[in-house]
PDB file of N, CA and C in Angstrom:
ATOM      1  N   UNK A   1       5.515  74.364 166.890  1.00  0.00           N
ATOM      2  CA  UNK A   1       5.750  72.963 166.544  1.00  0.00           C
ATOM      3  C   UNK A   1       7.213  72.624 166.600  1.00  0.00           C
ATOM      4  N   UNK A   2       8.085  73.547 166.256  1.00  0.00           N
ATOM      5  CA  UNK A   2       9.515  73.236 166.254  1.00  0.00           C
ATOM      6  C   UNK A   2      10.025  73.025 167.682  1.00  0.00           C
ATOM      7  N   UNK A   3       9.412  73.691 168.672  1.00  0.00           N
ATOM      8  CA  UNK A   3       9.842  73.460 170.041  1.00  0.00           C
ATOM      9  C   UNK A   3       9.524  72.043 170.494  1.00  0.00           C
ATOM     10  N   UNK A   4       8.388  71.510 170.067  1.00  0.00           N
ATOM     11  CA  UNK A   4       8.048  70.135 170.420  1.00  0.00           C
ATOM     12  C   UNK A   4       8.986  69.157 169.753  1.00  0.00           C
ATOM     13  N   UNK A   5       9.282  69.384 168.499  1.00  0.00           N
ATOM     14  CA  UNK A   5      10.205  68.537 167.758  1.00  0.00           C
ATOM     15  C   UNK A   5      11.593  68.589 168.353  1.00  0.00           C
ATOM     16  N   UNK A   6      12.026  69.761 168.761  1.00  0.00           N
ATOM     17  CA  UNK A   6      13.344  69.924 169.389  1.00  0.00           C
ATOM     18  C   UNK A   6      13.389  69.187 170.711  1.00  0.00           C
ATOM     19  N   UNK A   7      12.349  69.327 171.552  1.00  0.00           N
ATOM     20  CA  UNK A   7      12.304  68.646 172.826  1.00  0.00           C
ATOM     21  C   UNK A   7      12.272  67.150 172.632  1.00  0.00           C
ATOM     22  N   UNK A   8      11.456  66.678 171.681  1.00  0.00           N
ATOM     23  CA  UNK A   8      11.342  65.240 171.449  1.00  0.00           C
ATOM     24  C   UNK A   8      12.647  64.639 170.968  1.00  0.00           C
ATOM     25  N   UNK A   9      13.346  65.350 170.088  1.00  0.00           N
ATOM     26  CA  UNK A   9      14.622  64.831 169.592  1.00  0.00           C
ATOM     27  C   UNK A   9      15.674  64.785 170.700  1.00  0.00           C
ATOM     28  N   UNK A  10      15.671  65.762 171.585  1.00  0.00           N
ATOM     29  CA  UNK A  10      16.614  65.746 172.711  1.00  0.00           C
ATOM     30  C   UNK A  10      16.280  64.597 173.660  1.00  0.00           C
ATOM     31  N   UNK A  11      15.004  64.402 173.952  1.00  0.00           N
ATOM     32  CA  UNK A  11      14.590  63.310 174.862  1.00  0.00           C
ATOM     33  C   UNK A  11      14.937  61.956 174.247  1.00  0.00           C
ATOM     34  N   UNK A  12      14.700  61.809 172.946  1.00  0.00           N
ATOM     35  CA  UNK A  12      15.012  60.540 172.292  1.00  0.00           C
ATOM     36  C   UNK A  12      16.512  60.291 172.304  1.00  0.00           C
ATOM     37  N   UNK A  13      17.327  61.329 172.075  1.00  0.00           N
ATOM     38  CA  UNK A  13      18.779  61.165 172.093  1.00  0.00           C
ATOM     39  C   UNK A  13      19.244  60.810 173.494  1.00  0.00           C
ATOM     40  N   UNK A  14      18.669  61.405 174.517  1.00  0.00           N
ATOM     41  CA  UNK A  14      19.045  61.075 175.894  1.00  0.00           C
ATOM     42  C   UNK A  14      18.703  59.629 176.260  1.00  0.00           C
ATOM     43  N   UNK A  15      17.515  59.213 175.885  1.00  0.00           N
ATOM     44  CA  UNK A  15      17.097  57.835 176.189  1.00  0.00           C
ATOM     45  C   UNK A  15      17.932  56.840 175.412  1.00  0.00           C
ATOM     46  N   UNK A  16      18.193  57.128 174.160  1.00  0.00           N
ATOM     47  CA  UNK A  16      19.045  56.231 173.353  1.00  0.00           C
ATOM     48  C   UNK A  16      20.433  56.130 173.919  1.00  0.00           C
ATOM     49  N   UNK A  17      21.007  57.247 174.296  1.00  0.00           N
ATOM     50  CA  UNK A  17      22.337  57.220 174.898  1.00  0.00           C
ATOM     51  C   UNK A  17      22.360  56.451 176.194  1.00  0.00           C
ATOM     52  N   UNK A  18      21.359  56.629 177.032  1.00  0.00           N
ATOM     53  CA  UNK A  18      21.269  55.901 178.294  1.00  0.00           C
ATOM     54  C   UNK A  18      21.147  54.409 178.049  1.00  0.00           C
ATOM     55  N   UNK A  19      20.287  54.020 177.141  1.00  0.00           N
ATOM     56  CA  UNK A  19      20.100  52.592 176.863  1.00  0.00           C
ATOM     57  C   UNK A  19      21.392  51.975 176.313  1.00  0.00           C
ATOM     58  N   UNK A  20      22.032  52.674 175.377  1.00  0.00           N
ATOM     59  CA  UNK A  20      23.271  52.117 174.814  1.00  0.00           C
ATOM     60  C   UNK A  20      24.378  52.077 175.847  1.00  0.00           C
ATOM     61  N   UNK A  21      24.427  53.055 176.738  1.00  0.00           N
ATOM     62  CA  UNK A  21      25.448  53.083 177.765  1.00  0.00           C
ATOM     63  C   UNK A  21      25.277  51.930 178.723  1.00  0.00           C
ATOM     64  N   UNK A  22      24.052  51.560 179.022  1.00  0.00           N
ATOM     65  CA  UNK A  22      23.821  50.512 180.003  1.00  0.00           C
ATOM     66  C   UNK A  22      23.753  49.126 179.369  1.00  0.00           C
ATOM     67  N   UNK A  23      23.085  48.971 178.248  1.00  0.00           N
ATOM     68  CA  UNK A  23      22.777  47.644 177.725  1.00  0.00           C
ATOM     69  C   UNK A  23      24.009  46.991 177.060  1.00  0.00           C
ATOM     70  N   UNK A  24      24.771  47.732 176.297  1.00  0.00           N
ATOM     71  CA  UNK A  24      25.846  47.109 175.552  1.00  0.00           C
ATOM     72  C   UNK A  24      26.942  46.535 176.456  1.00  0.00           C
ATOM     73  N   UNK A  25      27.418  47.266 177.479  1.00  0.00           N
ATOM     74  CA  UNK A  25      28.431  46.636 178.349  1.00  0.00           C
ATOM     75  C   UNK A  25      27.879  45.432 179.157  1.00  0.00           C
ATOM     76  N   UNK A  26      26.622  45.552 179.617  1.00  0.00           N
ATOM     77  CA  UNK A  26      26.048  44.448 180.361  1.00  0.00           C
ATOM     78  C   UNK A  26      25.876  43.226 179.476  1.00  0.00           C
ATOM     79  N   UNK A  27      25.468  43.429 178.249  1.00  0.00           N
ATOM     80  CA  UNK A  27      25.332  42.304 177.329  1.00  0.00           C
ATOM     81  C   UNK A  27      26.682  41.665 177.034  1.00  0.00           C
ATOM     82  N   UNK A  28      27.695  42.487 176.819  1.00  0.00           N
ATOM     83  CA  UNK A  28      29.028  41.949 176.524  1.00  0.00           C
ATOM     84  C   UNK A  28      29.544  41.145 177.752  1.00  0.00           C
ATOM     85  N   UNK A  29      29.334  41.678 178.929  1.00  0.00           N
ATOM     86  CA  UNK A  29      29.776  40.977 180.127  1.00  0.00           C
ATOM     87  C   UNK A  29      29.056  39.640 180.311  1.00  0.00           C
ATOM     88  N   UNK A  30      27.755  39.662 180.111  1.00  0.00           N
ATOM     89  CA  UNK A  30      26.970  38.456 180.302  1.00  0.00           C
ATOM     90  C   UNK A  30      27.332  37.388 179.264  1.00  0.00           C
ATOM     91  N   UNK A  31      27.653  37.821 178.041  1.00  0.00           N
ATOM     92  CA  UNK A  31      27.980  36.858 176.973  1.00  0.00           C
ATOM     93  C   UNK A  31      29.356  36.224 177.251  1.00  0.00           C
ATOM     94  N   UNK A  32      30.260  36.972 177.861  1.00  0.00           N
ATOM     95  CA  UNK A  32      31.610  36.442 178.064  1.00  0.00           C
ATOM     96  C   UNK A  32      31.816  35.685 179.353  1.00  0.00           C
ATOM     97  N   UNK A  33      30.866  35.792 180.298  1.00  0.00           N
ATOM     98  CA  UNK A  33      31.039  35.181 181.619  1.00  0.00           C
ATOM     99  C   UNK A  33      30.304  33.854 181.792  1.00  0.00           C
ATOM    100  N   UNK A  34      29.571  33.407 180.812  1.00  0.00           N
ATOM    101  CA  UNK A  34      28.813  32.193 180.961  1.00  0.00           C
ATOM    102  C   UNK A  34      27.540  32.433 181.770  1.00  0.00           C
ATOM    103  N   UNK A  35      27.194  33.663 181.989  1.00  0.00           N
ATOM    104  CA  UNK A  35      25.972  33.971 182.764  1.00  0.00           C
ATOM    105  C   UNK A  35      24.713  33.521 181.998  1.00  0.00           C
ATOM    106  N   UNK A  36      24.797  33.555 180.674  1.00  0.00           N
ATOM    107  CA  UNK A  36      23.644  33.153 179.848  1.00  0.00           C
ATOM    108  C   UNK A  36      23.291  31.688 180.144  1.00  0.00           C
ATOM    109  N   UNK A  37      24.327  30.810 180.255  1.00  0.00           N
ATOM    110  CA  UNK A  37      24.063  29.404 180.523  1.00  0.00           C
ATOM    111  C   UNK A  37      23.449  29.226 181.914  1.00  0.00           C
ATOM    112  N   UNK A  38      23.923  29.964 182.881  1.00  0.00           N
ATOM    113  CA  UNK A  38      23.374  29.894 184.239  1.00  0.00           C
ATOM    114  C   UNK A  38      21.917  30.341 184.242  1.00  0.00           C
ATOM    115  N   UNK A  39      21.637  31.431 183.496  1.00  0.00           N
ATOM    116  CA  UNK A  39      20.275  31.953 183.465  1.00  0.00           C
ATOM    117  C   UNK A  39      19.327  30.934 182.809  1.00  0.00           C
ATOM    118  N   UNK A  40      19.788  30.273 181.762  1.00  0.00           N
ATOM    119  CA  UNK A  40      18.937  29.268 181.089  1.00  0.00           C
ATOM    120  C   UNK A  40      18.687  28.105 182.035  1.00  0.00           C
ATOM    121  N   UNK A  41      19.722  27.637 182.715  1.00  0.00           N
ATOM    122  CA  UNK A  41      19.542  26.537 183.662  1.00  0.00           C
ATOM    123  C   UNK A  41      18.598  26.931 184.787  1.00  0.00           C
ATOM    124  N   UNK A  42      18.757  28.156 185.300  1.00  0.00           N
ATOM    125  CA  UNK A  42      17.878  28.604 186.382  1.00  0.00           C
ATOM    126  C   UNK A  42      16.433  28.707 185.911  1.00  0.00           C
ATOM    127  N   UNK A  43      16.221  29.132 184.680  1.00  0.00           N
ATOM    128  CA  UNK A  43      14.871  29.196 184.158  1.00  0.00           C
ATOM    129  C   UNK A  43      14.252  27.809 183.980  1.00  0.00           C
ATOM    130  N   UNK A  44      15.067  26.829 183.609  1.00  0.00           N
ATOM    131  CA  UNK A  44      14.571  25.475 183.401  1.00  0.00           C
ATOM    132  C   UNK A  44      14.194  24.805 184.720  1.00  0.00           C
ATOM    133  N   UNK A  45      15.049  24.980 185.698  1.00  0.00           N
ATOM    134  CA  UNK A  45      14.891  24.171 186.936  1.00  0.00           C
ATOM    135  C   UNK A  45      14.462  25.010 188.140  1.00  0.00           C
ATOM    136  N   UNK A  46      13.817  26.125 187.944  1.00  0.00           N
ATOM    137  CA  UNK A  46      13.398  26.933 189.100  1.00  0.00           C
ATOM    138  C   UNK A  46      12.225  26.239 189.783  1.00  0.00           C
ATOM    139  N   UNK A  47      12.131  26.520 191.053  1.00  0.00           N
ATOM    140  CA  UNK A  47      11.009  25.947 191.810  1.00  0.00           C
ATOM    141  C   UNK A  47       9.744  26.709 191.503  1.00  0.00           C
ATOM    142  N   UNK A  48       8.673  26.001 191.446  1.00  0.00           N
ATOM    143  CA  UNK A  48       7.365  26.650 191.235  1.00  0.00           C
ATOM    144  C   UNK A  48       6.791  27.032 192.579  1.00  0.00           C
ATOM    145  N   UNK A  49       6.521  28.323 192.741  1.00  0.00           N
ATOM    146  CA  UNK A  49       5.926  28.817 193.978  1.00  0.00           C
ATOM    147  C   UNK A  49       4.582  29.397 193.688  1.00  0.00           C
ATOM    148  N   UNK A  50       3.707  29.340 194.664  1.00  0.00           N
ATOM    149  CA  UNK A  50       2.410  29.937 194.511  1.00  0.00           C
ATOM    150  C   UNK A  50       2.479  31.460 194.685  1.00  0.00           C
ATOM    151  N   UNK A  51       1.592  32.189 194.063  1.00  0.00           N
ATOM    152  CA  UNK A  51       1.578  33.638 194.233  1.00  0.00           C
ATOM    153  C   UNK A  51       2.661  34.309 193.429  1.00  0.00           C
ATOM    154  N   UNK A  52       2.759  35.602 193.642  1.00  0.00           N
ATOM    155  CA  UNK A  52       3.741  36.367 192.896  1.00  0.00           C
ATOM    156  C   UNK A  52       5.075  36.461 193.595  1.00  0.00           C
ATOM    157  N   UNK A  53       5.133  36.331 194.869  1.00  0.00           N
ATOM    158  CA  UNK A  53       6.385  36.409 195.580  1.00  0.00           C
ATOM    159  C   UNK A  53       6.812  37.859 195.787  1.00  0.00           C
ATOM    160  N   UNK A  54       7.983  38.043 196.336  1.00  0.00           N
ATOM    161  CA  UNK A  54       8.475  39.366 196.692  1.00  0.00           C
ATOM    162  C   UNK A  54       9.143  40.074 195.515  1.00  0.00           C
ATOM    163  N   UNK A  55       9.888  39.337 194.723  1.00  0.00           N
ATOM    164  CA  UNK A  55      10.732  39.961 193.690  1.00  0.00           C
ATOM    165  C   UNK A  55       9.953  40.623 192.562  1.00  0.00           C
ATOM    166  N   UNK A  56       8.890  40.028 192.039  1.00  0.00           N
ATOM    167  CA  UNK A  56       8.163  40.782 191.005  1.00  0.00           C
ATOM    168  C   UNK A  56       7.584  42.078 191.490  1.00  0.00           C
ATOM    169  N   UNK A  57       7.112  42.107 192.721  1.00  0.00           N
ATOM    170  CA  UNK A  57       6.571  43.364 193.281  1.00  0.00           C
ATOM    171  C   UNK A  57       7.707  44.392 193.411  1.00  0.00           C
ATOM    172  N   UNK A  58       8.847  43.923 193.934  1.00  0.00           N
ATOM    173  CA  UNK A  58       9.984  44.813 194.098  1.00  0.00           C
ATOM    174  C   UNK A  58      10.493  45.324 192.729  1.00  0.00           C
ATOM    175  N   UNK A  59      10.512  44.432 191.739  1.00  0.00           N
ATOM    176  CA  UNK A  59      10.936  44.854 190.376  1.00  0.00           C
ATOM    177  C   UNK A  59       9.995  45.872 189.762  1.00  0.00           C
ATOM    178  N   UNK A  60       8.708  45.672 189.953  1.00  0.00           N
ATOM    179  CA  UNK A  60       7.753  46.636 189.426  1.00  0.00           C
ATOM    180  C   UNK A  60       7.861  47.981 190.132  1.00  0.00           C
ATOM    181  N   UNK A  61       8.050  47.951 191.433  1.00  0.00           N
ATOM    182  CA  UNK A  61       8.200  49.192 192.204  1.00  0.00           C
ATOM    183  C   UNK A  61       9.502  49.912 191.772  1.00  0.00           C
ATOM    184  N   UNK A  62      10.561  49.169 191.589  1.00  0.00           N
ATOM    185  CA  UNK A  62      11.805  49.780 191.155  1.00  0.00           C
ATOM    186  C   UNK A  62      11.681  50.402 189.769  1.00  0.00           C
ATOM    187  N   UNK A  63      10.962  49.724 188.889  1.00  0.00           N
ATOM    188  CA  UNK A  63      10.755  50.243 187.540  1.00  0.00           C
ATOM    189  C   UNK A  63       9.957  51.539 187.584  1.00  0.00           C
ATOM    190  N   UNK A  64       8.925  51.569 188.413  1.00  0.00           N
ATOM    191  CA  UNK A  64       8.125  52.794 188.552  1.00  0.00           C
ATOM    192  C   UNK A  64       8.959  53.962 189.109  1.00  0.00           C
ATOM    193  N   UNK A  65       9.841  53.644 190.063  1.00  0.00           N
ATOM    194  CA  UNK A  65      10.676  54.689 190.646  1.00  0.00           C
ATOM    195  C   UNK A  65      11.661  55.234 189.609  1.00  0.00           C
ATOM    196  N   UNK A  66      12.223  54.381 188.782  1.00  0.00           N
ATOM    197  CA  UNK A  66      13.156  54.814 187.747  1.00  0.00           C
ATOM    198  C   UNK A  66      12.437  55.703 186.733  1.00  0.00           C
ATOM    199  N   UNK A  67      11.248  55.295 186.325  1.00  0.00           N
ATOM    200  CA  UNK A  67      10.489  56.078 185.350  1.00  0.00           C
ATOM    201  C   UNK A  67      10.108  57.422 185.948  1.00  0.00           C
ATOM    202  N   UNK A  68       9.718  57.448 187.229  1.00  0.00           N
ATOM    203  CA  UNK A  68       9.389  58.709 187.900  1.00  0.00           C
ATOM    204  C   UNK A  68      10.585  59.617 187.982  1.00  0.00           C
ATOM    205  N   UNK A  69      11.772  59.049 188.268  1.00  0.00           N
ATOM    206  CA  UNK A  69      12.978  59.876 188.357  1.00  0.00           C
ATOM    207  C   UNK A  69      13.345  60.473 187.006  1.00  0.00           C
ATOM    208  N   UNK A  70      13.171  59.715 185.922  1.00  0.00           N
ATOM    209  CA  UNK A  70      13.442  60.243 184.588  1.00  0.00           C
ATOM    210  C   UNK A  70      12.492  61.356 184.223  1.00  0.00           C
ATOM    211  N   UNK A  71      11.197  61.167 184.514  1.00  0.00           N
ATOM    212  CA  UNK A  71      10.214  62.180 184.220  1.00  0.00           C
ATOM    213  C   UNK A  71      10.495  63.443 185.028  1.00  0.00           C
ATOM    214  N   UNK A  72      10.819  63.263 186.322  1.00  0.00           N
ATOM    215  CA  UNK A  72      11.157  64.413 187.166  1.00  0.00           C
ATOM    216  C   UNK A  72      12.382  65.158 186.652  1.00  0.00           C
ATOM    217  N   UNK A  73      13.372  64.451 186.213  1.00  0.00           N
ATOM    218  CA  UNK A  73      14.579  65.126 185.666  1.00  0.00           C
ATOM    219  C   UNK A  73      14.244  65.907 184.427  1.00  0.00           C
ATOM    220  N   UNK A  74      13.416  65.337 183.546  1.00  0.00           N
ATOM    221  CA  UNK A  74      13.038  66.052 182.316  1.00  0.00           C
ATOM    222  C   UNK A  74      12.229  67.310 182.653  1.00  0.00           C
ATOM    223  N   UNK A  75      11.315  67.188 183.613  1.00  0.00           N
ATOM    224  CA  UNK A  75      10.510  68.354 183.994  1.00  0.00           C
ATOM    225  C   UNK A  75      11.386  69.448 184.605  1.00  0.00           C
ATOM    226  N   UNK A  76      12.313  69.070 185.481  1.00  0.00           N
ATOM    227  CA  UNK A  76      13.195  70.071 186.096  1.00  0.00           C
ATOM    228  C   UNK A  76      14.117  70.720 185.080  1.00  0.00           C
ATOM    229  N   UNK A  77      14.620  69.945 184.148  1.00  0.00           N
ATOM    230  CA  UNK A  77      15.457  70.533 183.099  1.00  0.00           C
ATOM    231  C   UNK A  77      14.683  71.480 182.224  1.00  0.00           C
ATOM    232  N   UNK A  78      13.463  71.086 181.846  1.00  0.00           N
ATOM    233  CA  UNK A  78      12.679  71.968 180.986  1.00  0.00           C
ATOM    234  C   UNK A  78      12.275  73.239 181.707  1.00  0.00           C
ATOM    235  N   UNK A  79      11.992  73.182 183.012  1.00  0.00           N
ATOM    236  CA  UNK A  79      11.654  74.372 183.754  1.00  0.00           C
ATOM    237  C   UNK A  79      12.858  75.288 183.858  1.00  0.00           C
ATOM    238  N   UNK A  80      14.031  74.717 184.072  1.00  0.00           N
ATOM    239  CA  UNK A  80      15.256  75.510 184.172  1.00  0.00           C
ATOM    240  C   UNK A  80      15.569  76.235 182.853  1.00  0.00           C
ATOM    241  N   UNK A  81      15.285  75.626 181.725  1.00  0.00           N
ATOM    242  CA  UNK A  81      15.501  76.255 180.435  1.00  0.00           C
ATOM    243  C   UNK A  81      14.531  77.386 180.202  1.00  0.00           C
ATOM    244  N   UNK A  82      13.308  77.278 180.653  1.00  0.00           N
ATOM    245  CA  UNK A  82      12.320  78.325 180.457  1.00  0.00           C
ATOM    246  C   UNK A  82      12.675  79.569 181.255  1.00  0.00           C
ATOM    247  N   UNK A  83      13.188  79.415 182.469  1.00  0.00           N
ATOM    248  CA  UNK A  83      13.507  80.533 183.314  1.00  0.00           C
ATOM    249  C   UNK A  83      14.690  81.355 182.767  1.00  0.00           C
ATOM    250  N   UNK A  84      15.619  80.695 182.109  1.00  0.00           N
ATOM    251  CA  UNK A  84      16.800  81.392 181.581  1.00  0.00           C
ATOM    252  C   UNK A  84      16.436  82.293 180.390  1.00  0.00           C
ATOM    253  N   UNK A  85      15.426  81.914 179.635  1.00  0.00           N
ATOM    254  CA  UNK A  85      15.131  82.660 178.389  1.00  0.00           C
ATOM    255  C   UNK A  85      14.347  83.895 178.662  1.00  0.00           C
TER     256      UNK A  85
END
């Protein structure tokens, strides 16, 4: 049980670090550049198109690729640790 807890705590720390590393600077930049106002205006006055369009599909595919890369990295790291012991 302690191995699972150890692995889970390391994974949680890595994900937390990654999120904080990416989200905080992007949020600070967006708040200081007036990007928030542009995003609100774009959301209000965007054109209505039929269907899903290209970007939601691309965004979903990109999200799946990122999740797959993270899972692959965790699997490779855990395999490397087992071989050393």
